[in-house]
Amino acid sequence: MGRVEKSIKEAEQYIESAKTDWESILQKDEGIWNPIVVNCVMGMFKSVDALMLETRGYTDKDHSQSPNSLQGLYEEELISDSFKSNVDSVRK
């Protein structure tokens, strides 16, 4: 399995874990959302890693640089205009 595929698989695992946590929280009627948020954020990072590997051949070791990397891909027209608002969301 290549690095892109591995990153995508890891992103999918984080999202599946978030779904499982969400269902568990709803069943228990708890208001503890941290695990869901963390899993979603980690899934986003792994998705960005896959995108960077596919387009650049490398990833950012520091995920705080992910918004800048996405901005660069947008400026080079490697990601669509409809994704631009997501770049800003990642930055925030």
PDB file of N, CA and C in Angstrom:
ATOM      1  N   MET A   1       0.854  -1.173   0.000  1.00  0.00           N
ATOM      2  CA  MET A   1       0.000   0.000   0.000  1.00  0.00           C
ATOM      3  C   MET A   1       0.899   1.235   0.000  1.00  0.00           C
ATOM      4  N   GLY A   2       0.585   2.161  -0.909  1.00  0.00           N
ATOM      5  CA  GLY A   2       1.358   3.389  -1.007  1.00  0.00           C
ATOM      6  C   GLY A   2       0.995   4.379   0.093  1.00  0.00           C
ATOM      7  N   ARG A   3       1.776   5.435   0.188  1.00  0.00           N
ATOM      8  CA  ARG A   3       1.556   6.433   1.235  1.00  0.00           C
ATOM      9  C   ARG A   3       0.232   7.175   1.068  1.00  0.00           C
ATOM     10  N   VAL A   4      -0.162   7.434  -0.177  1.00  0.00           N
ATOM     11  CA  VAL A   4      -1.440   8.120  -0.411  1.00  0.00           C
ATOM     12  C   VAL A   4      -2.582   7.246   0.086  1.00  0.00           C
ATOM     13  N   GLU A   5      -2.555   5.989  -0.330  1.00  0.00           N
ATOM     14  CA  GLU A   5      -3.611   5.063   0.080  1.00  0.00           C
ATOM     15  C   GLU A   5      -3.638   4.875   1.585  1.00  0.00           C
ATOM     16  N   LYS A   6      -2.453   4.835   2.198  1.00  0.00           N
ATOM     17  CA  LYS A   6      -2.382   4.675   3.655  1.00  0.00           C
ATOM     18  C   LYS A   6      -3.008   5.887   4.350  1.00  0.00           C
ATOM     19  N   SER A   7      -2.720   7.083   3.868  1.00  0.00           N
ATOM     20  CA  SER A   7      -3.295   8.294   4.458  1.00  0.00           C
ATOM     21  C   SER A   7      -4.815   8.309   4.301  1.00  0.00           C
ATOM     22  N   ILE A   8      -5.292   7.899   3.137  1.00  0.00           N
ATOM     23  CA  ILE A   8      -6.742   7.855   2.918  1.00  0.00           C
ATOM     24  C   ILE A   8      -7.384   6.832   3.848  1.00  0.00           C
ATOM     25  N   LYS A   9      -6.761   5.680   3.985  1.00  0.00           N
ATOM     26  CA  LYS A   9      -7.297   4.643   4.875  1.00  0.00           C
ATOM     27  C   LYS A   9      -7.329   5.151   6.318  1.00  0.00           C
ATOM     28  N   GLU A  10      -6.271   5.822   6.746  1.00  0.00           N
ATOM     29  CA  GLU A  10      -6.239   6.370   8.105  1.00  0.00           C
ATOM     30  C   GLU A  10      -7.318   7.439   8.289  1.00  0.00           C
ATOM     31  N   ALA A  11      -7.524   8.287   7.279  1.00  0.00           N
ATOM     32  CA  ALA A  11      -8.576   9.307   7.354  1.00  0.00           C
ATOM     33  C   ALA A  11      -9.938   8.638   7.512  1.00  0.00           C
ATOM     34  N   GLU A  12     -10.168   7.607   6.728  1.00  0.00           N
ATOM     35  CA  GLU A  12     -11.435   6.875   6.819  1.00  0.00           C
ATOM     36  C   GLU A  12     -11.620   6.255   8.199  1.00  0.00           C
ATOM     37  N   GLN A  13     -10.547   5.742   8.775  1.00  0.00           N
ATOM     38  CA  GLN A  13     -10.626   5.145  10.110  1.00  0.00           C
ATOM     39  C   GLN A  13     -10.974   6.193  11.159  1.00  0.00           C
ATOM     40  N   TYR A  14     -10.383   7.373  11.056  1.00  0.00           N
ATOM     41  CA  TYR A  14     -10.718   8.451  11.990  1.00  0.00           C
ATOM     42  C   TYR A  14     -12.182   8.850  11.873  1.00  0.00           C
ATOM     43  N   ILE A  15     -12.684   8.947  10.645  1.00  0.00           N
ATOM     44  CA  ILE A  15     -14.084   9.337  10.445  1.00  0.00           C
ATOM     45  C   ILE A  15     -15.020   8.239  10.956  1.00  0.00           C
ATOM     46  N   GLU A  16     -14.684   7.002  10.717  1.00  0.00           N
ATOM     47  CA  GLU A  16     -15.496   5.896  11.245  1.00  0.00           C
ATOM     48  C   GLU A  16     -15.507   5.917  12.773  1.00  0.00           C
ATOM     49  N   SER A  17     -14.361   6.200  13.360  1.00  0.00           N
ATOM     50  CA  SER A  17     -14.279   6.289  14.814  1.00  0.00           C
ATOM     51  C   SER A  17     -15.134   7.446  15.331  1.00  0.00           C
ATOM     52  N   ALA A  18     -15.127   8.558  14.613  1.00  0.00           N
ATOM     53  CA  ALA A  18     -15.963   9.707  14.997  1.00  0.00           C
ATOM     54  C   ALA A  18     -17.440   9.325  14.946  1.00  0.00           C
ATOM     55  N   LYS A  19     -17.836   8.594  13.903  1.00  0.00           N
ATOM     56  CA  LYS A  19     -19.231   8.149  13.789  1.00  0.00           C
ATOM     57  C   LYS A  19     -19.612   7.238  14.957  1.00  0.00           C
ATOM     58  N   THR A  20     -18.717   6.312  15.288  1.00  0.00           N
ATOM     59  CA  THR A  20     -18.978   5.391  16.399  1.00  0.00           C
ATOM     60  C   THR A  20     -19.097   6.152  17.709  1.00  0.00           C
ATOM     61  N   ASP A  21     -18.171   7.091  17.941  1.00  0.00           N
ATOM     62  CA  ASP A  21     -18.220   7.907  19.161  1.00  0.00           C
ATOM     63  C   ASP A  21     -19.514   8.713  19.220  1.00  0.00           C
ATOM     64  N   TRP A  22     -19.912   9.270  18.087  1.00  0.00           N
ATOM     65  CA  TRP A  22     -21.128  10.082  18.014  1.00  0.00           C
ATOM     66  C   TRP A  22     -22.354   9.243  18.390  1.00  0.00           C
ATOM     67  N   GLU A  23     -22.431   8.051  17.803  1.00  0.00           N
ATOM     68  CA  GLU A  23     -23.559   7.168  18.112  1.00  0.00           C
ATOM     69  C   GLU A  23     -23.569   6.793  19.596  1.00  0.00           C
ATOM     70  N   SER A  24     -22.403   6.541  20.148  1.00  0.00           N
ATOM     71  CA  SER A  24     -22.296   6.182  21.562  1.00  0.00           C
ATOM     72  C   SER A  24     -22.733   7.338  22.457  1.00  0.00           C
ATOM     73  N   ILE A  25     -22.309   8.542  22.118  1.00  0.00           N
ATOM     74  CA  ILE A  25     -22.665   9.724  22.906  1.00  0.00           C
ATOM     75  C   ILE A  25     -24.174   9.955  22.864  1.00  0.00           C
ATOM     76  N   LEU A  26     -24.769   9.780  21.686  1.00  0.00           N
ATOM     77  CA  LEU A  26     -26.214   9.958  21.565  1.00  0.00           C
ATOM     78  C   LEU A  26     -26.972   8.928  22.404  1.00  0.00           C
ATOM     79  N   GLN A  27     -26.498   7.687  22.407  1.00  0.00           N
ATOM     80  CA  GLN A  27     -27.154   6.634  23.179  1.00  0.00           C
ATOM     81  C   GLN A  27     -27.052   6.885  24.673  1.00  0.00           C
ATOM     82  N   LYS A  28     -25.921   7.405  25.103  1.00  0.00           N
ATOM     83  CA  LYS A  28     -25.700   7.645  26.531  1.00  0.00           C
ATOM     84  C   LYS A  28     -26.225   9.006  26.981  1.00  0.00           C
ATOM     85  N   ASP A  29     -26.657   9.811  26.018  1.00  0.00           N
ATOM     86  CA  ASP A  29     -27.140  11.160  26.305  1.00  0.00           C
ATOM     87  C   ASP A  29     -26.089  11.971  27.068  1.00  0.00           C
ATOM     88  N   GLU A  30     -24.857  11.850  26.589  1.00  0.00           N
ATOM     89  CA  GLU A  30     -23.742  12.596  27.182  1.00  0.00           C
ATOM     90  C   GLU A  30     -23.419  13.797  26.305  1.00  0.00           C
ATOM     91  N   GLY A  31     -22.804  14.762  26.889  1.00  0.00           N
ATOM     92  CA  GLY A  31     -22.408  15.947  26.134  1.00  0.00           C
ATOM     93  C   GLY A  31     -20.907  16.044  25.961  1.00  0.00           C
ATOM     94  N   ILE A  32     -20.249  14.911  25.878  1.00  0.00           N
ATOM     95  CA  ILE A  32     -18.788  14.906  25.748  1.00  0.00           C
ATOM     96  C   ILE A  32     -18.445  14.691  24.275  1.00  0.00           C
ATOM     97  N   TRP A  33     -18.136  15.785  23.598  1.00  0.00           N
ATOM     98  CA  TRP A  33     -17.926  15.739  22.159  1.00  0.00           C
ATOM     99  C   TRP A  33     -16.449  15.728  21.761  1.00  0.00           C
ATOM    100  N   ASN A  34     -15.542  15.874  22.709  1.00  0.00           N
ATOM    101  CA  ASN A  34     -14.112  15.967  22.379  1.00  0.00           C
ATOM    102  C   ASN A  34     -13.601  14.833  21.496  1.00  0.00           C
ATOM    103  N   PRO A  35     -13.943  13.567  21.781  1.00  0.00           N
ATOM    104  CA  PRO A  35     -13.418  12.495  20.921  1.00  0.00           C
ATOM    105  C   PRO A  35     -13.864  12.623  19.469  1.00  0.00           C
ATOM    106  N   ILE A  36     -15.081  13.088  19.275  1.00  0.00           N
ATOM    107  CA  ILE A  36     -15.579  13.251  17.905  1.00  0.00           C
ATOM    108  C   ILE A  36     -14.806  14.354  17.194  1.00  0.00           C
ATOM    109  N   VAL A  37     -14.628  15.464  17.866  1.00  0.00           N
ATOM    110  CA  VAL A  37     -13.902  16.591  17.274  1.00  0.00           C
ATOM    111  C   VAL A  37     -12.466  16.190  16.942  1.00  0.00           C
ATOM    112  N   VAL A  38     -11.800  15.529  17.870  1.00  0.00           N
ATOM    113  CA  VAL A  38     -10.406  15.110  17.640  1.00  0.00           C
ATOM    114  C   VAL A  38     -10.327  14.159  16.454  1.00  0.00           C
ATOM    115  N   ASN A  39     -11.237  13.187  16.387  1.00  0.00           N
ATOM    116  CA  ASN A  39     -11.211  12.244  15.266  1.00  0.00           C
ATOM    117  C   ASN A  39     -11.484  12.936  13.936  1.00  0.00           C
ATOM    118  N   CYS A  40     -12.390  13.887  13.920  1.00  0.00           N
ATOM    119  CA  CYS A  40     -12.668  14.625  12.682  1.00  0.00           C
ATOM    120  C   CYS A  40     -11.458  15.455  12.243  1.00  0.00           C
ATOM    121  N   VAL A  41     -10.832  16.120  13.181  1.00  0.00           N
ATOM    122  CA  VAL A  41      -9.644  16.922  12.863  1.00  0.00           C
ATOM    123  C   VAL A  41      -8.522  16.020  12.346  1.00  0.00           C
ATOM    124  N   MET A  42      -8.313  14.890  13.008  1.00  0.00           N
ATOM    125  CA  MET A  42      -7.261  13.962  12.559  1.00  0.00           C
ATOM    126  C   MET A  42      -7.592  13.404  11.169  1.00  0.00           C
ATOM    127  N   GLY A  43      -8.871  13.128  10.928  1.00  0.00           N
ATOM    128  CA  GLY A  43      -9.272  12.678   9.594  1.00  0.00           C
ATOM    129  C   GLY A  43      -8.984  13.731   8.538  1.00  0.00           C
ATOM    130  N   MET A  44      -9.217  15.004   8.892  1.00  0.00           N
ATOM    131  CA  MET A  44      -8.916  16.094   7.971  1.00  0.00           C
ATOM    132  C   MET A  44      -7.414  16.167   7.691  1.00  0.00           C
ATOM    133  N   PHE A  45      -6.608  16.045   8.737  1.00  0.00           N
ATOM    134  CA  PHE A  45      -5.153  16.092   8.539  1.00  0.00           C
ATOM    135  C   PHE A  45      -4.687  14.963   7.619  1.00  0.00           C
ATOM    136  N   LYS A  46      -5.206  13.768   7.835  1.00  0.00           N
ATOM    137  CA  LYS A  46      -4.789  12.635   7.008  1.00  0.00           C
ATOM    138  C   LYS A  46      -5.254  12.818   5.565  1.00  0.00           C
ATOM    139  N   SER A  47      -6.424  13.446   5.378  1.00  0.00           N
ATOM    140  CA  SER A  47      -6.905  13.737   4.023  1.00  0.00           C
ATOM    141  C   SER A  47      -5.994  14.743   3.338  1.00  0.00           C
ATOM    142  N   VAL A  48      -5.590  15.772   4.076  1.00  0.00           N
ATOM    143  CA  VAL A  48      -4.653  16.761   3.533  1.00  0.00           C
ATOM    144  C   VAL A  48      -3.327  16.077   3.203  1.00  0.00           C
ATOM    145  N   ASP A  49      -2.873  15.187   4.077  1.00  0.00           N
ATOM    146  CA  ASP A  49      -1.641  14.440   3.794  1.00  0.00           C
ATOM    147  C   ASP A  49      -1.753  13.695   2.465  1.00  0.00           C
ATOM    148  N   ALA A  50      -2.882  13.021   2.258  1.00  0.00           N
ATOM    149  CA  ALA A  50      -3.072  12.268   1.008  1.00  0.00           C
ATOM    150  C   ALA A  50      -3.041  13.206  -0.193  1.00  0.00           C
ATOM    151  N   LEU A  51      -3.700  14.343  -0.063  1.00  0.00           N
ATOM    152  CA  LEU A  51      -3.722  15.322  -1.149  1.00  0.00           C
ATOM    153  C   LEU A  51      -2.318  15.848  -1.433  1.00  0.00           C
ATOM    154  N   MET A  52      -1.580  16.160  -0.383  1.00  0.00           N
ATOM    155  CA  MET A  52      -0.207  16.657  -0.556  1.00  0.00           C
ATOM    156  C   MET A  52       0.697  15.591  -1.173  1.00  0.00           C
ATOM    157  N   LEU A  53       0.558  14.367  -0.714  1.00  0.00           N
ATOM    158  CA  LEU A  53       1.375  13.282  -1.282  1.00  0.00           C
ATOM    159  C   LEU A  53       1.074  13.099  -2.767  1.00  0.00           C
ATOM    160  N   GLU A  54      -0.208  13.171  -3.099  1.00  0.00           N
ATOM    161  CA  GLU A  54      -0.614  12.975  -4.493  1.00  0.00           C
ATOM    162  C   GLU A  54      -0.108  14.094  -5.389  1.00  0.00           C
ATOM    163  N   THR A  55      -0.143  15.335  -4.906  1.00  0.00           N
ATOM    164  CA  THR A  55       0.213  16.479  -5.752  1.00  0.00           C
ATOM    165  C   THR A  55       1.667  16.905  -5.620  1.00  0.00           C
ATOM    166  N   ARG A  56       2.249  16.707  -4.441  1.00  0.00           N
ATOM    167  CA  ARG A  56       3.610  17.188  -4.180  1.00  0.00           C
ATOM    168  C   ARG A  56       4.642  16.080  -3.951  1.00  0.00           C
ATOM    169  N   GLY A  57       4.142  14.941  -3.469  1.00  0.00           N
ATOM    170  CA  GLY A  57       5.064  13.850  -3.165  1.00  0.00           C
ATOM    171  C   GLY A  57       5.590  13.908  -1.741  1.00  0.00           C
ATOM    172  N   TYR A  58       5.115  14.866  -0.968  1.00  0.00           N
ATOM    173  CA  TYR A  58       5.535  14.985   0.439  1.00  0.00           C
ATOM    174  C   TYR A  58       4.386  15.564   1.255  1.00  0.00           C
ATOM    175  N   THR A  59       4.517  15.479   2.568  1.00  0.00           N
ATOM    176  CA  THR A  59       3.527  16.066   3.472  1.00  0.00           C
ATOM    177  C   THR A  59       4.227  17.045   4.402  1.00  0.00           C
ATOM    178  N   ASP A  60       3.426  17.868   5.058  1.00  0.00           N
ATOM    179  CA  ASP A  60       3.967  18.749   6.086  1.00  0.00           C
ATOM    180  C   ASP A  60       4.136  17.939   7.364  1.00  0.00           C
ATOM    181  N   LYS A  61       5.317  18.005   7.957  1.00  0.00           N
ATOM    182  CA  LYS A  61       5.516  17.314   9.232  1.00  0.00           C
ATOM    183  C   LYS A  61       4.768  18.023  10.355  1.00  0.00           C
ATOM    184  N   ASP A  62       4.570  19.304  10.189  1.00  0.00           N
ATOM    185  CA  ASP A  62       3.864  20.128  11.164  1.00  0.00           C
ATOM    186  C   ASP A  62       2.482  20.443  10.590  1.00  0.00           C
ATOM    187  N   HIS A  63       1.445  19.822  11.153  1.00  0.00           N
ATOM    188  CA  HIS A  63       0.109  20.008  10.594  1.00  0.00           C
ATOM    189  C   HIS A  63      -0.418  21.428  10.743  1.00  0.00           C
ATOM    190  N   SER A  64       0.254  22.254  11.527  1.00  0.00           N
ATOM    191  CA  SER A  64      -0.170  23.654  11.585  1.00  0.00           C
ATOM    192  C   SER A  64       0.097  24.348  10.247  1.00  0.00           C
ATOM    193  N   GLN A  65       0.894  23.725   9.397  1.00  0.00           N
ATOM    194  CA  GLN A  65       1.180  24.272   8.070  1.00  0.00           C
ATOM    195  C   GLN A  65       0.169  23.818   7.017  1.00  0.00           C
ATOM    196  N   SER A  66      -0.744  22.922   7.383  1.00  0.00           N
ATOM    197  CA  SER A  66      -1.724  22.396   6.423  1.00  0.00           C
ATOM    198  C   SER A  66      -2.518  23.485   5.704  1.00  0.00           C
ATOM    199  N   PRO A  67      -3.004  24.515   6.431  1.00  0.00           N
ATOM    200  CA  PRO A  67      -3.747  25.565   5.711  1.00  0.00           C
ATOM    201  C   PRO A  67      -2.898  26.262   4.642  1.00  0.00           C
ATOM    202  N   ASN A  68      -1.632  26.510   4.936  1.00  0.00           N
ATOM    203  CA  ASN A  68      -0.749  27.152   3.959  1.00  0.00           C
ATOM    204  C   ASN A  68      -0.529  26.252   2.751  1.00  0.00           C
ATOM    205  N   SER A  69      -0.379  24.951   2.999  1.00  0.00           N
ATOM    206  CA  SER A  69      -0.200  24.002   1.903  1.00  0.00           C
ATOM    207  C   SER A  69      -1.437  23.957   1.024  1.00  0.00           C
ATOM    208  N   LEU A  70      -2.602  23.928   1.661  1.00  0.00           N
ATOM    209  CA  LEU A  70      -3.848  23.921   0.894  1.00  0.00           C
ATOM    210  C   LEU A  70      -4.003  25.209   0.096  1.00  0.00           C
ATOM    211  N   GLN A  71      -3.631  26.336   0.697  1.00  0.00           N
ATOM    212  CA  GLN A  71      -3.703  27.610  -0.005  1.00  0.00           C
ATOM    213  C   GLN A  71      -2.813  27.572  -1.251  1.00  0.00           C
ATOM    214  N   GLY A  72      -1.626  27.017  -1.108  1.00  0.00           N
ATOM    215  CA  GLY A  72      -0.727  26.897  -2.253  1.00  0.00           C
ATOM    216  C   GLY A  72      -1.316  26.039  -3.358  1.00  0.00           C
ATOM    217  N   LEU A  73      -1.952  24.939  -2.984  1.00  0.00           N
ATOM    218  CA  LEU A  73      -2.592  24.083  -3.986  1.00  0.00           C
ATOM    219  C   LEU A  73      -3.731  24.821  -4.681  1.00  0.00           C
ATOM    220  N   TYR A  74      -4.468  25.608  -3.907  1.00  0.00           N
ATOM    221  CA  TYR A  74      -5.552  26.391  -4.487  1.00  0.00           C
ATOM    222  C   TYR A  74      -4.994  27.420  -5.479  1.00  0.00           C
ATOM    223  N   GLU A  75      -3.956  28.112  -5.088  1.00  0.00           N
ATOM    224  CA  GLU A  75      -3.363  29.139  -5.953  1.00  0.00           C
ATOM    225  C   GLU A  75      -2.809  28.545  -7.239  1.00  0.00           C
ATOM    226  N   GLU A  76      -2.374  27.297  -7.171  1.00  0.00           N
ATOM    227  CA  GLU A  76      -1.868  26.619  -8.371  1.00  0.00           C
ATOM    228  C   GLU A  76      -2.982  25.914  -9.140  1.00  0.00           C
ATOM    229  N   GLU A  77      -4.230  26.144  -8.699  1.00  0.00           N
ATOM    230  CA  GLU A  77      -5.415  25.572  -9.336  1.00  0.00           C
ATOM    231  C   GLU A  77      -5.404  24.044  -9.319  1.00  0.00           C
ATOM    232  N   LEU A  78      -4.830  23.478  -8.264  1.00  0.00           N
ATOM    233  CA  LEU A  78      -4.824  22.033  -8.104  1.00  0.00           C
ATOM    234  C   LEU A  78      -6.001  21.547  -7.267  1.00  0.00           C
ATOM    235  N   ILE A  79      -6.691  22.500  -6.631  1.00  0.00           N
ATOM    236  CA  ILE A  79      -7.958  22.188  -5.968  1.00  0.00           C
ATOM    237  C   ILE A  79      -8.985  23.209  -6.442  1.00  0.00           C
ATOM    238  N   SER A  80     -10.232  22.840  -6.427  1.00  0.00           N
ATOM    239  CA  SER A  80     -11.285  23.646  -7.049  1.00  0.00           C
ATOM    240  C   SER A  80     -11.666  24.874  -6.221  1.00  0.00           C
ATOM    241  N   ASP A  81     -12.323  25.801  -6.898  1.00  0.00           N
ATOM    242  CA  ASP A  81     -12.822  27.004  -6.230  1.00  0.00           C
ATOM    243  C   ASP A  81     -13.804  26.660  -5.120  1.00  0.00           C
ATOM    244  N   SER A  82     -14.589  25.614  -5.330  1.00  0.00           N
ATOM    245  CA  SER A  82     -15.585  25.251  -4.320  1.00  0.00           C
ATOM    246  C   SER A  82     -14.910  24.778  -3.027  1.00  0.00           C
ATOM    247  N   PHE A  83     -13.648  24.408  -3.107  1.00  0.00           N
ATOM    248  CA  PHE A  83     -12.914  23.959  -1.926  1.00  0.00           C
ATOM    249  C   PHE A  83     -12.292  25.132  -1.175  1.00  0.00           C
ATOM    250  N   LYS A  84     -12.257  26.309  -1.779  1.00  0.00           N
ATOM    251  CA  LYS A  84     -11.583  27.474  -1.188  1.00  0.00           C
ATOM    252  C   LYS A  84     -12.107  27.793   0.203  1.00  0.00           C
ATOM    253  N   SER A  85     -13.406  27.751   0.413  1.00  0.00           N
ATOM    254  CA  SER A  85     -13.944  28.062   1.750  1.00  0.00           C
ATOM    255  C   SER A  85     -13.453  27.056   2.785  1.00  0.00           C
ATOM    256  N   ASN A  86     -13.190  25.836   2.361  1.00  0.00           N
ATOM    257  CA  ASN A  86     -12.662  24.833   3.277  1.00  0.00           C
ATOM    258  C   ASN A  86     -11.233  25.153   3.697  1.00  0.00           C
ATOM    259  N   VAL A  87     -10.474  25.745   2.802  1.00  0.00           N
ATOM    260  CA  VAL A  87      -9.109  26.161   3.143  1.00  0.00           C
ATOM    261  C   VAL A  87      -9.169  27.162   4.284  1.00  0.00           C
ATOM    262  N   ASP A  88     -10.080  28.120   4.182  1.00  0.00           N
ATOM    263  CA  ASP A  88     -10.216  29.120   5.235  1.00  0.00           C
ATOM    264  C   ASP A  88     -10.690  28.485   6.555  1.00  0.00           C
ATOM    265  N   SER A  89     -11.561  27.498   6.469  1.00  0.00           N
ATOM    266  CA  SER A  89     -12.025  26.802   7.676  1.00  0.00           C
ATOM    267  C   SER A  89     -10.891  26.061   8.354  1.00  0.00           C
ATOM    268  N   VAL A  90     -10.041  25.423   7.575  1.00  0.00           N
ATOM    269  CA  VAL A  90      -8.889  24.708   8.142  1.00  0.00           C
ATOM    270  C   VAL A  90      -7.971  25.699   8.842  1.00  0.00           C
ATOM    271  N   ARG A  91      -7.793  26.868   8.242  1.00  0.00           N
ATOM    272  CA  ARG A  91      -6.924  27.889   8.827  1.00  0.00           C
ATOM    273  C   ARG A  91      -7.441  28.328  10.205  1.00  0.00           C
ATOM    274  N   LYS A  92      -8.758  28.448  10.330  1.00  0.00           N
ATOM    275  CA  LYS A  92      -9.345  28.894  11.598  1.00  0.00           C
ATOM    276  C   LYS A  92      -9.258  27.794  12.625  1.00  0.00           C
TER     277      LYS A  92
END
